[in-house]
Structure formats: C-alpha cells, structure tokens
Amino acid sequence: MPFLVADQVFILLSTSKPFKPVKTMRLTDAEHAEIVALAKRRFGQFAIVRLFGSRIDDHGIGGDIDLHIQAESSDLANLANELEFAVELKDRIGDEKIDVIVRGPGHNHRRSPRIRAPF
C-alpha cells in the first residue's frame, strides 16, 4: 500500500487493486478541507485520514461522519488530541455527529469494503 498524505482522497477497492482518486463521499468541499486541515494540525503533516461507515455510500442520505485517523507518530495518537479534534471539528463544520478513531503509525487498520479513503 502506498504512503498517502491526508489531502488525497482514495477509494479502497480491494487489496489487489490500486487506489483510485474520487471527490465524493457526501461531504462538502468545505467539510473535506476542514477535516484535512485539522487532522494535519493535530496528528501531523503526514497523518492519514480514512472515512468509513454510511457516508461512503454516495447514494445514501444522512449518517454520521466516521473517521479513522492514523497519526504521524504514536505521541500524537492520544485521547486528548482525539477529543480536541472532534470538538474543534464540530465547531468548524456545524452540529454533525462525528465519530473519531485515532491510532499510531504502527497500527494496521482492518480492511473492509466499508472504508473509503485515505483522503
């Protein structure tokens, strides 16, 4: 898997197929920009942000914003940063339900067709 920075958007098709860029996920450009900027500030310039859950279905409606963030370093992957990220993101994009999972760089996320990103 190639190393991807947080301001790129990709679909995880499967482990045997390459990532392909997309620009959808039922997030506005402003929401996407806020998520990326805040993730880089809180979790490092090379943090990887993945969207998962109901928002990856471009034909669906509603749903919370589920984010899996791989921090640049283990020191940045802590509960205080995770909570501050979620609170600040809500302040910036409005009263959306946001779920955040933060892991360090050594953590391998579970592969699933329900994960769409890094973005």
C-alpha atoms as a PDB file:
ATOM      1  CA  MET A   1       0.000   0.000   0.000  1.00  0.00           C
ATOM      2  CA  PRO A   2       1.475   3.369  -0.937  1.00  0.00           C
ATOM      3  CA  PHE A   3       2.014   6.032   1.722  1.00  0.00           C
ATOM      4  CA  LEU A   4      -0.668   8.673   1.253  1.00  0.00           C
ATOM      5  CA  VAL A   5      -0.911  12.120   2.777  1.00  0.00           C
ATOM      6  CA  ALA A   6      -4.137  13.412   4.276  1.00  0.00           C
ATOM      7  CA  ASP A   7      -5.093  15.787   1.466  1.00  0.00           C
ATOM      8  CA  GLN A   8      -5.543  12.977  -1.070  1.00  0.00           C
ATOM      9  CA  VAL A   9      -8.860  11.156  -1.499  1.00  0.00           C
ATOM     10  CA  PHE A  10      -8.939   7.483  -2.459  1.00  0.00           C
ATOM     11  CA  ILE A  11     -11.331   4.544  -2.622  1.00  0.00           C
ATOM     12  CA  LEU A  12     -10.121   1.273  -1.169  1.00  0.00           C
ATOM     13  CA  LEU A  13     -11.402  -1.194  -3.771  1.00  0.00           C
ATOM     14  CA  SER A  14      -9.585  -4.292  -2.543  1.00  0.00           C
ATOM     15  CA  THR A  15      -6.104  -5.354  -1.577  1.00  0.00           C
ATOM     16  CA  SER A  16      -5.376  -6.496  -5.150  1.00  0.00           C
ATOM     17  CA  LYS A  17      -6.499  -3.320  -6.915  1.00  0.00           C
ATOM     18  CA  PRO A  18      -4.881   0.127  -6.816  1.00  0.00           C
ATOM     19  CA  PHE A  19      -6.387   3.143  -5.111  1.00  0.00           C
ATOM     20  CA  LYS A  20      -8.357   5.404  -7.437  1.00  0.00           C
ATOM     21  CA  PRO A  21      -8.950   9.105  -6.723  1.00  0.00           C
ATOM     22  CA  VAL A  22     -12.507  10.288  -6.127  1.00  0.00           C
ATOM     23  CA  LYS A  23     -14.086  13.501  -4.922  1.00  0.00           C
ATOM     24  CA  THR A  24     -17.378  12.266  -3.487  1.00  0.00           C
ATOM     25  CA  MET A  25     -18.389  10.944  -0.054  1.00  0.00           C
ATOM     26  CA  ARG A  26     -21.325  13.154   0.794  1.00  0.00           C
ATOM     27  CA  LEU A  27     -19.021  15.750   2.299  1.00  0.00           C
ATOM     28  CA  THR A  28     -18.896  19.308   1.040  1.00  0.00           C
ATOM     29  CA  ASP A  29     -15.604  20.710  -0.184  1.00  0.00           C
ATOM     30  CA  ALA A  30     -15.563  22.920   2.925  1.00  0.00           C
ATOM     31  CA  GLU A  31     -16.100  19.948   5.268  1.00  0.00           C
ATOM     32  CA  HIS A  32     -13.403  17.968   3.490  1.00  0.00           C
ATOM     33  CA  ALA A  33     -10.949  20.889   3.725  1.00  0.00           C
ATOM     34  CA  GLU A  34     -11.662  21.405   7.439  1.00  0.00           C
ATOM     35  CA  ILE A  35     -11.185  17.713   8.231  1.00  0.00           C
ATOM     36  CA  VAL A  36      -7.873  17.569   6.365  1.00  0.00           C
ATOM     37  CA  ALA A  37      -6.503  20.834   7.783  1.00  0.00           C
ATOM     38  CA  LEU A  38      -7.442  19.977  11.343  1.00  0.00           C
ATOM     39  CA  ALA A  39      -6.124  16.393  11.077  1.00  0.00           C
ATOM     40  CA  LYS A  40      -2.767  17.680   9.824  1.00  0.00           C
ATOM     41  CA  ARG A  41      -2.571  20.195  12.648  1.00  0.00           C
ATOM     42  CA  ARG A  42      -3.499  17.732  15.403  1.00  0.00           C
ATOM     43  CA  PHE A  43      -1.964  14.484  14.152  1.00  0.00           C
ATOM     44  CA  GLY A  44       0.962  15.547  11.973  1.00  0.00           C
ATOM     45  CA  GLN A  45       1.541  16.657   8.409  1.00  0.00           C
ATOM     46  CA  PHE A  46       1.588  13.039   7.192  1.00  0.00           C
ATOM     47  CA  ALA A  47      -1.490  11.825   9.077  1.00  0.00           C
ATOM     48  CA  ILE A  48      -3.752   9.515   7.082  1.00  0.00           C
ATOM     49  CA  VAL A  49      -7.495  10.133   7.324  1.00  0.00           C
ATOM     50  CA  ARG A  50      -9.996   7.458   6.309  1.00  0.00           C
ATOM     51  CA  LEU A  51     -13.743   7.885   6.058  1.00  0.00           C
ATOM     52  CA  PHE A  52     -15.846   4.818   6.830  1.00  0.00           C
ATOM     53  CA  GLY A  53     -19.450   3.948   7.584  1.00  0.00           C
ATOM     54  CA  SER A  54     -22.613   5.240   5.948  1.00  0.00           C
ATOM     55  CA  ARG A  55     -21.034   8.369   4.442  1.00  0.00           C
ATOM     56  CA  ILE A  56     -19.088   6.308   1.923  1.00  0.00           C
ATOM     57  CA  ASP A  57     -22.363   5.450   0.165  1.00  0.00           C
ATOM     58  CA  ASP A  58     -22.711   8.325  -2.301  1.00  0.00           C
ATOM     59  CA  HIS A  59     -26.381   7.446  -2.868  1.00  0.00           C
ATOM     60  CA  GLY A  60     -27.361   7.374   0.799  1.00  0.00           C
ATOM     61  CA  ILE A  61     -28.744  10.180   2.916  1.00  0.00           C
ATOM     62  CA  GLY A  62     -27.835  11.396   6.382  1.00  0.00           C
ATOM     63  CA  GLY A  63     -25.447   9.484   8.566  1.00  0.00           C
ATOM     64  CA  ASP A  64     -22.691  10.486  10.905  1.00  0.00           C
ATOM     65  CA  ILE A  65     -19.106  11.225   9.892  1.00  0.00           C
ATOM     66  CA  ASP A  66     -16.923   8.272  10.875  1.00  0.00           C
ATOM     67  CA  LEU A  67     -13.187   8.988  10.690  1.00  0.00           C
ATOM     68  CA  HIS A  68     -10.219   6.691  11.217  1.00  0.00           C
ATOM     69  CA  ILE A  69      -7.027   8.723  11.608  1.00  0.00           C
ATOM     70  CA  GLN A  70      -3.547   7.267  11.546  1.00  0.00           C
ATOM     71  CA  ALA A  71      -1.359   9.790  13.342  1.00  0.00           C
ATOM     72  CA  GLU A  72       2.126  10.630  12.121  1.00  0.00           C
ATOM     73  CA  SER A  73       3.597   9.458  15.429  1.00  0.00           C
ATOM     74  CA  SER A  74       2.404   7.459  18.410  1.00  0.00           C
ATOM     75  CA  ASP A  75       2.879  10.532  20.632  1.00  0.00           C
ATOM     76  CA  LEU A  76       0.141  12.346  18.687  1.00  0.00           C
ATOM     77  CA  ALA A  77      -2.292   9.407  18.855  1.00  0.00           C
ATOM     78  CA  ASN A  78      -3.696  10.150  22.294  1.00  0.00           C
ATOM     79  CA  LEU A  79      -7.144  10.623  23.774  1.00  0.00           C
ATOM     80  CA  ALA A  80      -6.679  14.341  24.439  1.00  0.00           C
ATOM     81  CA  ASN A  81      -5.863  15.033  20.775  1.00  0.00           C
ATOM     82  CA  GLU A  82      -8.741  12.822  19.650  1.00  0.00           C
ATOM     83  CA  LEU A  83     -11.269  14.652  21.826  1.00  0.00           C
ATOM     84  CA  GLU A  84      -9.931  18.112  20.952  1.00  0.00           C
ATOM     85  CA  PHE A  85     -10.060  17.205  17.249  1.00  0.00           C
ATOM     86  CA  ALA A  86     -13.698  16.100  17.489  1.00  0.00           C
ATOM     87  CA  VAL A  87     -14.776  19.208  19.436  1.00  0.00           C
ATOM     88  CA  GLU A  88     -12.942  21.618  17.134  1.00  0.00           C
ATOM     89  CA  LEU A  89     -14.246  19.872  14.024  1.00  0.00           C
ATOM     90  CA  LYS A  90     -17.825  20.204  15.294  1.00  0.00           C
ATOM     91  CA  ASP A  91     -17.203  23.906  15.922  1.00  0.00           C
ATOM     92  CA  ARG A  92     -15.921  24.319  12.364  1.00  0.00           C
ATOM     93  CA  ILE A  93     -18.410  22.274  10.323  1.00  0.00           C
ATOM     94  CA  GLY A  94     -21.524  22.502  12.465  1.00  0.00           C
ATOM     95  CA  ASP A  95     -23.516  20.161  14.616  1.00  0.00           C
ATOM     96  CA  GLU A  96     -22.767  16.886  12.861  1.00  0.00           C
ATOM     97  CA  LYS A  97     -22.428  13.549  14.621  1.00  0.00           C
ATOM     98  CA  ILE A  98     -18.719  12.752  14.361  1.00  0.00           C
ATOM     99  CA  ASP A  99     -17.024   9.536  15.455  1.00  0.00           C
ATOM    100  CA  VAL A 100     -13.217   9.532  15.518  1.00  0.00           C
ATOM    101  CA  ILE A 101     -10.803   6.634  15.932  1.00  0.00           C
ATOM    102  CA  VAL A 102      -7.120   7.576  16.213  1.00  0.00           C
ATOM    103  CA  ARG A 103      -4.255   5.108  16.001  1.00  0.00           C
ATOM    104  CA  GLY A 104      -0.479   5.395  15.793  1.00  0.00           C
ATOM    105  CA  PRO A 105       1.534   4.654  12.669  1.00  0.00           C
ATOM    106  CA  GLY A 106       2.242   1.034  13.611  1.00  0.00           C
ATOM    107  CA  HIS A 107      -1.423   0.080  13.836  1.00  0.00           C
ATOM    108  CA  ASN A 108      -2.845  -1.792  10.847  1.00  0.00           C
ATOM    109  CA  HIS A 109      -6.495  -0.946  10.249  1.00  0.00           C
ATOM    110  CA  ARG A 110      -8.891  -3.707   9.357  1.00  0.00           C
ATOM    111  CA  ARG A 111      -9.505  -3.788   5.619  1.00  0.00           C
ATOM    112  CA  SER A 112     -13.169  -3.510   4.715  1.00  0.00           C
ATOM    113  CA  PRO A 113     -15.217  -2.516   1.678  1.00  0.00           C
ATOM    114  CA  ARG A 114     -16.907  -0.039   4.064  1.00  0.00           C
ATOM    115  CA  ILE A 115     -13.697   2.028   4.352  1.00  0.00           C
ATOM    116  CA  ARG A 116     -13.192   4.712   1.732  1.00  0.00           C
ATOM    117  CA  ALA A 117     -10.087   6.785   1.982  1.00  0.00           C
ATOM    118  CA  PRO A 118      -7.365   7.923   2.846  1.00  0.00           C
ATOM    119  CA  PHE A 119      -8.445  11.412   1.955  1.00  0.00           C
END
